[in-house]
Structures are given as structure tokens and as C-alpha cells.
Amino acid sequence: KLDKEADAVMWVKQVENPEAFGVIKLNDKGQITELVEKSKDF
């Protein structure tokens, strides 16, 4: 269900090889704090 209270929603998929993708970083409130492109570090 789309959270329409948020200013924006980024659609994501859990993947096995995140180093090959742009990924999001979340805080303890479930909010996106950062976008990271193809990081070798998890």
C-alpha cells in the first residue's frame, strides 16, 4: 500500500547482490536517509 503521507516513495526490491545496484539506506523510522550507487561495502 502506497504511503501517501510521505513526501515521496521509492520503490525497491530486496536483492542478493546489492553491490550491482543503487540501494537505499534507512533510519530506525523506516525513512530513506541516503542513496548509494553500487557500493562495494554493504
All heavy atoms as atom14 arrays in JSON, in Angstrom:
{
  "sequence": "KLDKEADAVMWVKQVENPEAFGVIKLNDKGQITELVEKSKDF",
  "atom14_mask": [
    [1, 1, 1, 1, 1, 1, 1, 1, 1, 0, 0, 0, 0, 0],
    [1, 1, 1, 1, 1, 1, 1, 1, 0, 0, 0, 0, 0, 0],
    [1, 1, 1, 1, 1, 1, 1, 1, 0, 0, 0, 0, 0, 0],
    [1, 1, 1, 1, 1, 1, 1, 1, 1, 0, 0, 0, 0, 0],
    [1, 1, 1, 1, 1, 1, 1, 1, 1, 0, 0, 0, 0, 0],
    [1, 1, 1, 1, 1, 0, 0, 0, 0, 0, 0, 0, 0, 0],
    [1, 1, 1, 1, 1, 1, 1, 1, 0, 0, 0, 0, 0, 0],
    [1, 1, 1, 1, 1, 0, 0, 0, 0, 0, 0, 0, 0, 0],
    [1, 1, 1, 1, 1, 1, 1, 0, 0, 0, 0, 0, 0, 0],
    [1, 1, 1, 1, 1, 1, 1, 1, 0, 0, 0, 0, 0, 0],
    [1, 1, 1, 1, 1, 1, 1, 1, 1, 1, 1, 1, 1, 1],
    [1, 1, 1, 1, 1, 1, 1, 0, 0, 0, 0, 0, 0, 0],
    [1, 1, 1, 1, 1, 1, 1, 1, 1, 0, 0, 0, 0, 0],
    [1, 1, 1, 1, 1, 1, 1, 1, 1, 0, 0, 0, 0, 0],
    [1, 1, 1, 1, 1, 1, 1, 0, 0, 0, 0, 0, 0, 0],
    [1, 1, 1, 1, 1, 1, 1, 1, 1, 0, 0, 0, 0, 0],
    [1, 1, 1, 1, 1, 1, 1, 1, 0, 0, 0, 0, 0, 0],
    [1, 1, 1, 1, 1, 1, 1, 0, 0, 0, 0, 0, 0, 0],
    [1, 1, 1, 1, 1, 1, 1, 1, 1, 0, 0, 0, 0, 0],
    [1, 1, 1, 1, 1, 0, 0, 0, 0, 0, 0, 0, 0, 0],
    [1, 1, 1, 1, 1, 1, 1, 1, 1, 1, 1, 0, 0, 0],
    [1, 1, 1, 1, 0, 0, 0, 0, 0, 0, 0, 0, 0, 0],
    [1, 1, 1, 1, 1, 1, 1, 0, 0, 0, 0, 0, 0, 0],
    [1, 1, 1, 1, 1, 1, 1, 1, 0, 0, 0, 0, 0, 0],
    [1, 1, 1, 1, 1, 1, 1, 1, 1, 0, 0, 0, 0, 0],
    [1, 1, 1, 1, 1, 1, 1, 1, 0, 0, 0, 0, 0, 0],
    [1, 1, 1, 1, 1, 1, 1, 1, 0, 0, 0, 0, 0, 0],
    [1, 1, 1, 1, 1, 1, 1, 1, 0, 0, 0, 0, 0, 0],
    [1, 1, 1, 1, 1, 1, 1, 1, 1, 0, 0, 0, 0, 0],
    [1, 1, 1, 1, 0, 0, 0, 0, 0, 0, 0, 0, 0, 0],
    [1, 1, 1, 1, 1, 1, 1, 1, 1, 0, 0, 0, 0, 0],
    [1, 1, 1, 1, 1, 1, 1, 1, 0, 0, 0, 0, 0, 0],
    [1, 1, 1, 1, 1, 1, 1, 0, 0, 0, 0, 0, 0, 0],
    [1, 1, 1, 1, 1, 1, 1, 1, 1, 0, 0, 0, 0, 0],
    [1, 1, 1, 1, 1, 1, 1, 1, 0, 0, 0, 0, 0, 0],
    [1, 1, 1, 1, 1, 1, 1, 0, 0, 0, 0, 0, 0, 0],
    [1, 1, 1, 1, 1, 1, 1, 1, 1, 0, 0, 0, 0, 0],
    [1, 1, 1, 1, 1, 1, 1, 1, 1, 0, 0, 0, 0, 0],
    [1, 1, 1, 1, 1, 1, 0, 0, 0, 0, 0, 0, 0, 0],
    [1, 1, 1, 1, 1, 1, 1, 1, 1, 0, 0, 0, 0, 0],
    [1, 1, 1, 1, 1, 1, 1, 1, 0, 0, 0, 0, 0, 0],
    [1, 1, 1, 1, 1, 1, 1, 1, 1, 1, 1, 0, 0, 0]
  ],
  "atom14_positions": [
    [[0.85, -1.18, 0.0], [0.0, 0.0, 0.0], [0.89, 1.23, 0.0], [1.78, 1.36, 0.83], [-0.92, 0.01, 1.22], [-1.87, -1.18, 1.28], [-2.83, -1.19, 0.1], [-3.8, -2.36, 0.19], [-4.68, -2.43, -0.99], [0.0, 0.0, 0.0], [0.0, 0.0, 0.0], [0.0, 0.0, 0.0], [0.0, 0.0, 0.0], [0.0, 0.0, 0.0]],
    [[0.64, 2.13, -0.91], [1.45, 3.33, -1.03], [1.24, 4.25, 0.17], [0.1, 4.52, 0.56], [1.06, 4.06, -2.32], [2.01, 5.14, -2.81], [3.32, 4.53, -3.26], [1.38, 5.9, -3.98], [0.0, 0.0, 0.0], [0.0, 0.0, 0.0], [0.0, 0.0, 0.0], [0.0, 0.0, 0.0], [0.0, 0.0, 0.0], [0.0, 0.0, 0.0]],
    [[2.33, 4.68, 0.79], [2.27, 5.61, 1.93], [2.14, 7.03, 1.39], [3.14, 7.68, 1.07], [3.54, 5.46, 2.79], [3.48, 6.32, 4.05], [2.55, 7.16, 4.17], [4.37, 6.18, 4.91], [0.0, 0.0, 0.0], [0.0, 0.0, 0.0], [0.0, 0.0, 0.0], [0.0, 0.0, 0.0], [0.0, 0.0, 0.0], [0.0, 0.0, 0.0]],
    [[0.92, 7.51, 1.32], [0.68, 8.82, 0.72], [0.91, 9.96, 1.72], [0.76, 11.13, 1.36], [-0.72, 8.87, 0.14], [-0.89, 7.91, -1.04], [-2.29, 7.92, -1.61], [-2.42, 6.89, -2.72], [-3.78, 6.79, -3.24], [0.0, 0.0, 0.0], [0.0, 0.0, 0.0], [0.0, 0.0, 0.0], [0.0, 0.0, 0.0], [0.0, 0.0, 0.0]],
    [[1.29, 9.63, 2.94], [1.66, 10.66, 3.9], [3.11, 11.1, 3.69], [3.5, 12.19, 4.1], [1.46, 10.15, 5.33], [0.01, 9.85, 5.68], [-0.9, 11.05, 5.49], [-0.54, 12.15, 5.98], [-1.96, 10.91, 4.85], [0.0, 0.0, 0.0], [0.0, 0.0, 0.0], [0.0, 0.0, 0.0], [0.0, 0.0, 0.0], [0.0, 0.0, 0.0]],
    [[3.9, 10.23, 3.08], [5.29, 10.58, 2.8], [5.35, 11.59, 1.67], [4.46, 11.67, 0.81], [6.08, 9.33, 2.41], [0.0, 0.0, 0.0], [0.0, 0.0, 0.0], [0.0, 0.0, 0.0], [0.0, 0.0, 0.0], [0.0, 0.0, 0.0], [0.0, 0.0, 0.0], [0.0, 0.0, 0.0], [0.0, 0.0, 0.0], [0.0, 0.0, 0.0]],
    [[6.42, 12.4, 1.65], [6.61, 13.33, 0.54], [6.91, 12.58, -0.75], [6.56, 13.05, -1.85], [7.74, 14.3, 0.86], [7.41, 15.19, 2.04], [6.35, 15.85, 2.01], [8.21, 15.23, 3.0], [0.0, 0.0, 0.0], [0.0, 0.0, 0.0], [0.0, 0.0, 0.0], [0.0, 0.0, 0.0], [0.0, 0.0, 0.0], [0.0, 0.0, 0.0]],
    [[7.54, 11.42, -0.6], [7.88, 10.62, -1.77], [8.11, 9.18, -1.34], [8.45, 8.9, -0.19], [9.12, 11.17, -2.47], [0.0, 0.0, 0.0], [0.0, 0.0, 0.0], [0.0, 0.0, 0.0], [0.0, 0.0, 0.0], [0.0, 0.0, 0.0], [0.0, 0.0, 0.0], [0.0, 0.0, 0.0], [0.0, 0.0, 0.0], [0.0, 0.0, 0.0]],
    [[7.91, 8.29, -2.29], [8.15, 6.87, -2.06], [9.03, 6.36, -3.19], [8.76, 6.61, -4.37], [6.84, 6.06, -2.01], [7.13, 4.57, -1.89], [5.96, 6.53, -0.86], [0.0, 0.0, 0.0], [0.0, 0.0, 0.0], [0.0, 0.0, 0.0], [0.0, 0.0, 0.0], [0.0, 0.0, 0.0], [0.0, 0.0, 0.0], [0.0, 0.0, 0.0]],
    [[10.1, 5.63, -2.83], [10.96, 4.99, -3.82], [10.69, 3.49, -3.79], [10.77, 2.86, -2.73], [12.44, 5.28, -3.52], [12.75, 6.76, -3.49], [14.5, 7.11, -3.15], [15.24, 6.51, -4.65], [0.0, 0.0, 0.0], [0.0, 0.0, 0.0], [0.0, 0.0, 0.0], [0.0, 0.0, 0.0], [0.0, 0.0, 0.0], [0.0, 0.0, 0.0]],
    [[10.36, 2.92, -4.94], [10.05, 1.5, -5.0], [11.35, 0.71, -5.06], [12.25, 1.02, -5.86], [9.16, 1.2, -6.19], [7.83, 1.91, -6.11], [7.51, 2.97, -5.31], [6.66, 1.6, -6.85], [6.21, 3.34, -5.52], [5.65, 2.53, -6.45], [6.34, 0.65, -7.81], [4.38, 2.52, -6.97], [5.06, 0.64, -8.36], [4.09, 1.55, -7.94]],
    [[11.43, -0.31, -4.2], [12.67, -1.06, -4.06], [12.39, -2.55, -4.05], [11.27, -2.99, -3.83], [13.41, -0.67, -2.75], [13.81, 0.79, -2.76], [12.55, -0.97, -1.52], [0.0, 0.0, 0.0], [0.0, 0.0, 0.0], [0.0, 0.0, 0.0], [0.0, 0.0, 0.0], [0.0, 0.0, 0.0], [0.0, 0.0, 0.0], [0.0, 0.0, 0.0]],
    [[13.46, -3.32, -4.29], [13.38, -4.78, -4.25], [14.59, -5.32, -3.52], [15.72, -4.89, -3.76], [13.36, -5.36, -5.67], [13.41, -6.9, -5.74], [12.12, -7.51, -5.24], [12.07, -9.02, -5.43], [12.97, -9.75, -4.52], [0.0, 0.0, 0.0], [0.0, 0.0, 0.0], [0.0, 0.0, 0.0], [0.0, 0.0, 0.0], [0.0, 0.0, 0.0]],
    [[14.36, -6.24, -2.6], [15.46, -6.89, -1.91], [16.22, -7.78, -2.89], [15.62, -8.59, -3.6], [14.93, -7.73, -0.74], [16.01, -8.24, 0.2], [15.41, -8.9, 1.43], [14.29, -9.41, 1.4], [16.15, -8.88, 2.53], [0.0, 0.0, 0.0], [0.0, 0.0, 0.0], [0.0, 0.0, 0.0], [0.0, 0.0, 0.0], [0.0, 0.0, 0.0]],
    [[17.54, -7.61, -2.95], [18.35, -8.33, -3.93], [19.5, -9.06, -3.23], [19.9, -8.7, -2.12], [18.92, -7.37, -5.0], [17.79, -6.79, -5.84], [19.74, -6.27, -4.37], [0.0, 0.0, 0.0], [0.0, 0.0, 0.0], [0.0, 0.0, 0.0], [0.0, 0.0, 0.0], [0.0, 0.0, 0.0], [0.0, 0.0, 0.0], [0.0, 0.0, 0.0]],
    [[20.03, -10.07, -3.92], [21.12, -10.86, -3.35], [22.49, -10.25, -3.6], [23.44, -10.54, -2.88], [21.07, -12.28, -3.92], [19.82, -13.07, -3.51], [19.82, -14.47, -4.06], [20.77, -14.81, -4.83], [18.88, -15.24, -3.76], [0.0, 0.0, 0.0], [0.0, 0.0, 0.0], [0.0, 0.0, 0.0], [0.0, 0.0, 0.0], [0.0, 0.0, 0.0]],
    [[22.61, -9.41, -4.63], [23.9, -8.81, -4.98], [23.79, -7.29, -5.01], [23.86, -6.67, -6.09], [24.41, -9.34, -6.32], [23.38, -9.18, -7.43], [22.17, -9.16, -7.19], [23.87, -9.05, -8.66], [0.0, 0.0, 0.0], [0.0, 0.0, 0.0], [0.0, 0.0, 0.0], [0.0, 0.0, 0.0], [0.0, 0.0, 0.0], [0.0, 0.0, 0.0]],
    [[23.59, -6.66, -3.85], [23.33, -5.21, -3.81], [24.46, -4.36, -4.36], [24.24, -3.22, -4.76], [23.1, -4.93, -2.33], [23.74, -6.07, -1.6], [23.58, -7.26, -2.5], [0.0, 0.0, 0.0], [0.0, 0.0, 0.0], [0.0, 0.0, 0.0], [0.0, 0.0, 0.0], [0.0, 0.0, 0.0], [0.0, 0.0, 0.0], [0.0, 0.0, 0.0]],
    [[25.68, -4.9, -4.42], [26.81, -4.13, -4.93], [26.64, -3.78, -6.41], [27.33, -2.9, -6.94], [28.12, -4.88, -4.72], [28.3, -6.15, -5.54], [27.6, -7.37, -4.97], [26.96, -7.25, -3.89], [27.67, -8.45, -5.58], [0.0, 0.0, 0.0], [0.0, 0.0, 0.0], [0.0, 0.0, 0.0], [0.0, 0.0, 0.0], [0.0, 0.0, 0.0]],
    [[25.7, -4.45, -7.1], [25.48, -4.2, -8.52], [24.41, -3.14, -8.76], [24.12, -2.82, -9.92], [25.09, -5.5, -9.22], [0.0, 0.0, 0.0], [0.0, 0.0, 0.0], [0.0, 0.0, 0.0], [0.0, 0.0, 0.0], [0.0, 0.0, 0.0], [0.0, 0.0, 0.0], [0.0, 0.0, 0.0], [0.0, 0.0, 0.0], [0.0, 0.0, 0.0]],
    [[23.83, -2.59, -7.69], [22.68, -1.7, -7.84], [22.86, -0.43, -7.01], [23.68, -0.36, -6.1], [21.39, -2.39, -7.38], [21.08, -3.66, -8.12], [21.47, -4.89, -7.62], [20.41, -3.63, -9.33], [21.19, -6.06, -8.29], [20.12, -4.8, -10.01], [20.52, -6.01, -9.49], [0.0, 0.0, 0.0], [0.0, 0.0, 0.0], [0.0, 0.0, 0.0]],
    [[22.03, 0.56, -7.31], [21.84, 1.67, -6.4], [20.91, 1.21, -5.29], [19.86, 0.61, -5.56], [0.0, 0.0, 0.0], [0.0, 0.0, 0.0], [0.0, 0.0, 0.0], [0.0, 0.0, 0.0], [0.0, 0.0, 0.0], [0.0, 0.0, 0.0], [0.0, 0.0, 0.0], [0.0, 0.0, 0.0], [0.0, 0.0, 0.0], [0.0, 0.0, 0.0]],
    [[21.27, 1.46, -4.04], [20.48, 0.98, -2.91], [20.14, 2.16, -1.99], [20.73, 3.23, -2.08], [21.22, -0.11, -2.11], [21.47, -1.34, -2.99], [22.52, 0.41, -1.54], [0.0, 0.0, 0.0], [0.0, 0.0, 0.0], [0.0, 0.0, 0.0], [0.0, 0.0, 0.0], [0.0, 0.0, 0.0], [0.0, 0.0, 0.0], [0.0, 0.0, 0.0]],
    [[19.19, 1.9, -1.09], [18.79, 2.92, -0.12], [19.26, 2.54, 1.27], [19.43, 1.37, 1.59], [17.26, 3.13, -0.11], [16.54, 1.82, 0.27], [16.78, 3.64, -1.45], [15.07, 1.99, 0.56], [0.0, 0.0, 0.0], [0.0, 0.0, 0.0], [0.0, 0.0, 0.0], [0.0, 0.0, 0.0], [0.0, 0.0, 0.0], [0.0, 0.0, 0.0]],
    [[19.48, 3.56, 2.09], [19.81, 3.37, 3.49], [18.66, 3.93, 4.32], [18.16, 5.02, 4.05], [21.11, 4.1, 3.84], [21.67, 3.78, 5.21], [23.04, 4.43, 5.38], [23.66, 4.07, 6.72], [25.01, 4.69, 6.87], [0.0, 0.0, 0.0], [0.0, 0.0, 0.0], [0.0, 0.0, 0.0], [0.0, 0.0, 0.0], [0.0, 0.0, 0.0]],
    [[18.2, 3.15, 5.33], [17.05, 3.54, 6.14], [17.47, 3.89, 7.56], [18.44, 3.34, 8.08], [16.03, 2.38, 6.2], [15.44, 1.89, 4.87], [14.55, 0.68, 5.11], [14.65, 3.0, 4.19], [0.0, 0.0, 0.0], [0.0, 0.0, 0.0], [0.0, 0.0, 0.0], [0.0, 0.0, 0.0], [0.0, 0.0, 0.0], [0.0, 0.0, 0.0]],
    [[16.7, 4.77, 8.2], [16.89, 5.03, 9.63], [15.9, 4.17, 10.43], [15.13, 3.38, 9.86], [16.74, 6.52, 9.96], [15.35, 7.05, 9.64], [14.39, 6.3, 9.48], [15.22, 8.38, 9.56], [0.0, 0.0, 0.0], [0.0, 0.0, 0.0], [0.0, 0.0, 0.0], [0.0, 0.0, 0.0], [0.0, 0.0, 0.0], [0.0, 0.0, 0.0]],
    [[15.91, 4.33, 11.75], [15.05, 3.48, 12.58], [13.57, 3.82, 12.46], [12.71, 3.11, 12.98], [15.49, 3.55, 14.05], [15.54, 4.97, 14.59], [15.1, 5.9, 13.88], [16.03, 5.17, 15.73], [0.0, 0.0, 0.0], [0.0, 0.0, 0.0], [0.0, 0.0, 0.0], [0.0, 0.0, 0.0], [0.0, 0.0, 0.0], [0.0, 0.0, 0.0]],
    [[13.23, 4.9, 11.75], [11.84, 5.25, 11.49], [11.35, 4.71, 10.15], [10.22, 4.97, 9.75], [11.67, 6.77, 11.52], [11.96, 7.41, 12.88], [11.77, 8.92, 12.8], [12.06, 9.58, 14.14], [11.9, 11.07, 14.06], [0.0, 0.0, 0.0], [0.0, 0.0, 0.0], [0.0, 0.0, 0.0], [0.0, 0.0, 0.0], [0.0, 0.0, 0.0]],
    [[12.22, 3.97, 9.46], [11.85, 3.44, 8.16], [11.88, 4.48, 7.06], [11.29, 4.29, 5.99], [0.0, 0.0, 0.0], [0.0, 0.0, 0.0], [0.0, 0.0, 0.0], [0.0, 0.0, 0.0], [0.0, 0.0, 0.0], [0.0, 0.0, 0.0], [0.0, 0.0, 0.0], [0.0, 0.0, 0.0], [0.0, 0.0, 0.0], [0.0, 0.0, 0.0]],
    [[12.6, 5.57, 7.29], [12.72, 6.63, 6.28], [14.04, 6.48, 5.53], [15.04, 6.01, 6.09], [12.66, 8.0, 6.96], [11.37, 8.27, 7.7], [11.43, 9.55, 8.52], [12.49, 10.17, 8.66], [10.29, 9.94, 9.08], [0.0, 0.0, 0.0], [0.0, 0.0, 0.0], [0.0, 0.0, 0.0], [0.0, 0.0, 0.0], [0.0, 0.0, 0.0]],
    [[14.02, 6.87, 4.27], [15.23, 6.78, 3.45], [16.14, 7.95, 3.79], [15.75, 9.11, 3.68], [14.88, 6.79, 1.95], [14.01, 5.57, 1.6], [16.15, 6.8, 1.09], [13.44, 5.6, 0.2], [0.0, 0.0, 0.0], [0.0, 0.0, 0.0], [0.0, 0.0, 0.0], [0.0, 0.0, 0.0], [0.0, 0.0, 0.0], [0.0, 0.0, 0.0]],
    [[17.35, 7.61, 4.21], [18.3, 8.66, 4.57], [19.36, 8.89, 3.51], [19.98, 9.96, 3.46], [19.0, 8.31, 5.89], [19.7, 7.06, 5.74], [18.0, 8.2, 7.03], [0.0, 0.0, 0.0], [0.0, 0.0, 0.0], [0.0, 0.0, 0.0], [0.0, 0.0, 0.0], [0.0, 0.0, 0.0], [0.0, 0.0, 0.0], [0.0, 0.0, 0.0]],
    [[19.57, 7.88, 2.66], [20.68, 8.01, 1.71], [20.46, 7.11, 0.5], [19.86, 6.03, 0.59], [21.99, 7.62, 2.42], [23.24, 8.02, 1.68], [24.5, 7.73, 2.5], [24.37, 7.37, 3.69], [25.59, 7.84, 1.94], [0.0, 0.0, 0.0], [0.0, 0.0, 0.0], [0.0, 0.0, 0.0], [0.0, 0.0, 0.0], [0.0, 0.0, 0.0]],
    [[20.93, 7.58, -0.65], [21.01, 6.78, -1.87], [22.48, 6.49, -2.14], [23.29, 7.41, -2.18], [20.43, 7.54, -3.05], [18.92, 7.76, -3.11], [18.59, 8.7, -4.26], [18.2, 6.45, -3.28], [0.0, 0.0, 0.0], [0.0, 0.0, 0.0], [0.0, 0.0, 0.0], [0.0, 0.0, 0.0], [0.0, 0.0, 0.0], [0.0, 0.0, 0.0]],
    [[22.81, 5.22, -2.33], [24.2, 4.85, -2.54], [24.3, 4.03, -3.82], [23.59, 3.03, -3.99], [24.76, 4.05, -1.35], [26.24, 3.72, -1.58], [24.56, 4.82, -0.04], [0.0, 0.0, 0.0], [0.0, 0.0, 0.0], [0.0, 0.0, 0.0], [0.0, 0.0, 0.0], [0.0, 0.0, 0.0], [0.0, 0.0, 0.0], [0.0, 0.0, 0.0]],
    [[25.18, 4.45, -4.73], [25.33, 3.78, -6.02], [26.41, 2.71, -5.99], [27.58, 3.01, -5.75], [25.66, 4.81, -7.11], [24.48, 5.65, -7.54], [23.42, 4.86, -8.28], [23.77, 3.84, -8.91], [22.25, 5.25, -8.21], [0.0, 0.0, 0.0], [0.0, 0.0, 0.0], [0.0, 0.0, 0.0], [0.0, 0.0, 0.0], [0.0, 0.0, 0.0]],
    [[26.02, 1.46, -6.18], [26.93, 0.34, -6.42], [28.13, 0.34, -5.48], [29.28, 0.3, -5.91], [27.39, 0.35, -7.89], [26.25, 0.21, -8.87], [26.71, 0.2, -10.31], [25.53, 0.07, -11.28], [25.95, 0.07, -12.68], [0.0, 0.0, 0.0], [0.0, 0.0, 0.0], [0.0, 0.0, 0.0], [0.0, 0.0, 0.0], [0.0, 0.0, 0.0]],
    [[27.84, 0.36, -4.2], [28.9, 0.36, -3.2], [29.48, -1.05, -3.01], [28.73, -2.03, -2.91], [28.35, 0.87, -1.86], [29.32, 0.74, -0.84], [0.0, 0.0, 0.0], [0.0, 0.0, 0.0], [0.0, 0.0, 0.0], [0.0, 0.0, 0.0], [0.0, 0.0, 0.0], [0.0, 0.0, 0.0], [0.0, 0.0, 0.0], [0.0, 0.0, 0.0]],
    [[30.8, -1.15, -2.97], [31.43, -2.43, -2.7], [31.25, -2.84, -1.24], [31.27, -4.03, -0.91], [32.93, -2.36, -3.05], [33.19, -2.17, -4.54], [34.67, -2.12, -4.84], [34.93, -1.92, -6.33], [36.39, -1.85, -6.64], [0.0, 0.0, 0.0], [0.0, 0.0, 0.0], [0.0, 0.0, 0.0], [0.0, 0.0, 0.0], [0.0, 0.0, 0.0]],
    [[31.1, -1.86, -0.37], [30.82, -2.14, 1.04], [29.31, -2.25, 1.24], [28.54, -1.47, 0.66], [31.38, -1.02, 1.93], [32.89, -0.89, 1.81], [33.56, -1.94, 1.71], [33.37, 0.25, 1.8], [0.0, 0.0, 0.0], [0.0, 0.0, 0.0], [0.0, 0.0, 0.0], [0.0, 0.0, 0.0], [0.0, 0.0, 0.0], [0.0, 0.0, 0.0]],
    [[28.89, -3.19, 2.08], [27.45, -3.4, 2.27], [26.8, -2.18, 2.92], [27.25, -1.71, 3.97], [27.18, -4.64, 3.12], [25.71, -4.91, 3.3], [24.98, -5.56, 2.31], [25.05, -4.49, 4.46], [23.62, -5.8, 2.47], [23.68, -4.72, 4.62], [22.97, -5.39, 3.63], [0.0, 0.0, 0.0], [0.0, 0.0, 0.0], [0.0, 0.0, 0.0]]
  ]
}
